[in-house]
Amino acid sequence: MFNEFVRHLFPRVVLRRNLKITYTFCLGGLAFTAFMVLAVSGLLLMVYYQPSTEHAFESILFLESNVSGGYYIRSLHRLTSHAFLSFIFLHTLRVVLTGAYRKPRELNWVIGFMLLCLAVLEAYTGYLLPLDQLAVWSTQIGMELVKAVPMGTLLRALLVPDGVGQPMSLLRFYVLHAVVIPVAILLLCFLHFYRIRQNKEALPYL
């Protein structure tokens, strides 16, 4: 699967018409590029961020005011997360409007939809990490909405067992945001690209 992913990034032949800028703007590729920028900037932020209720907010202030380029890296991470969500949402919308979810790409459509859901969850879990007033209250509203869906009470208990902004919930959001969800997104991206190559009638030049 990894070889298929590399071949997708570096195809042997590319049709000339596919190099032109179209209405799709290669939204899937832009979304993946934004994800890679998020991964790199997130790793840099992890050097200074402390996932504890006592030091989370202070570590953000320290990063922005005392670390060279810290404010730029955090702003880049935040703005790229908006771009990532926008690109993947528009990519999904393009697939729906053009009917690209039909045979033989039904499985890839499901994988893409899972990527959209994970992207939303990744953004939501990252919102709490600064642990300022906006983060706490926004996450609290999200948790109240979760309670309204089926099995939402159980999901809320798993995510925030000691309440929003408390030590255990902050740690769980941090692990989800920094490790679990990014790894899941990356693996699904590999599978997504692999399936594109498998559906060669959809992209015959591969």
Foldseek 3Di string as FASTA:
>chain_A
DVVLVVCLVPPPDDDPVVVDQDPLNPLVVLLVVLLVLLLVLVVVLVVQADLFLVCRLVSLVCQCPPNVCSVVSVVSNVVSLVSNLVSLVSNLVVCVVVVVCDPPNVVLNVLSVVLNVLSVLLVLLVLCRSVDPVSQVVNVVVLVVLVVDVCSVVVSCVQCVPHGSHRVNSVSSCCSNNPVSSVVSVVSVSVSSSVCVVPCVVVVSD
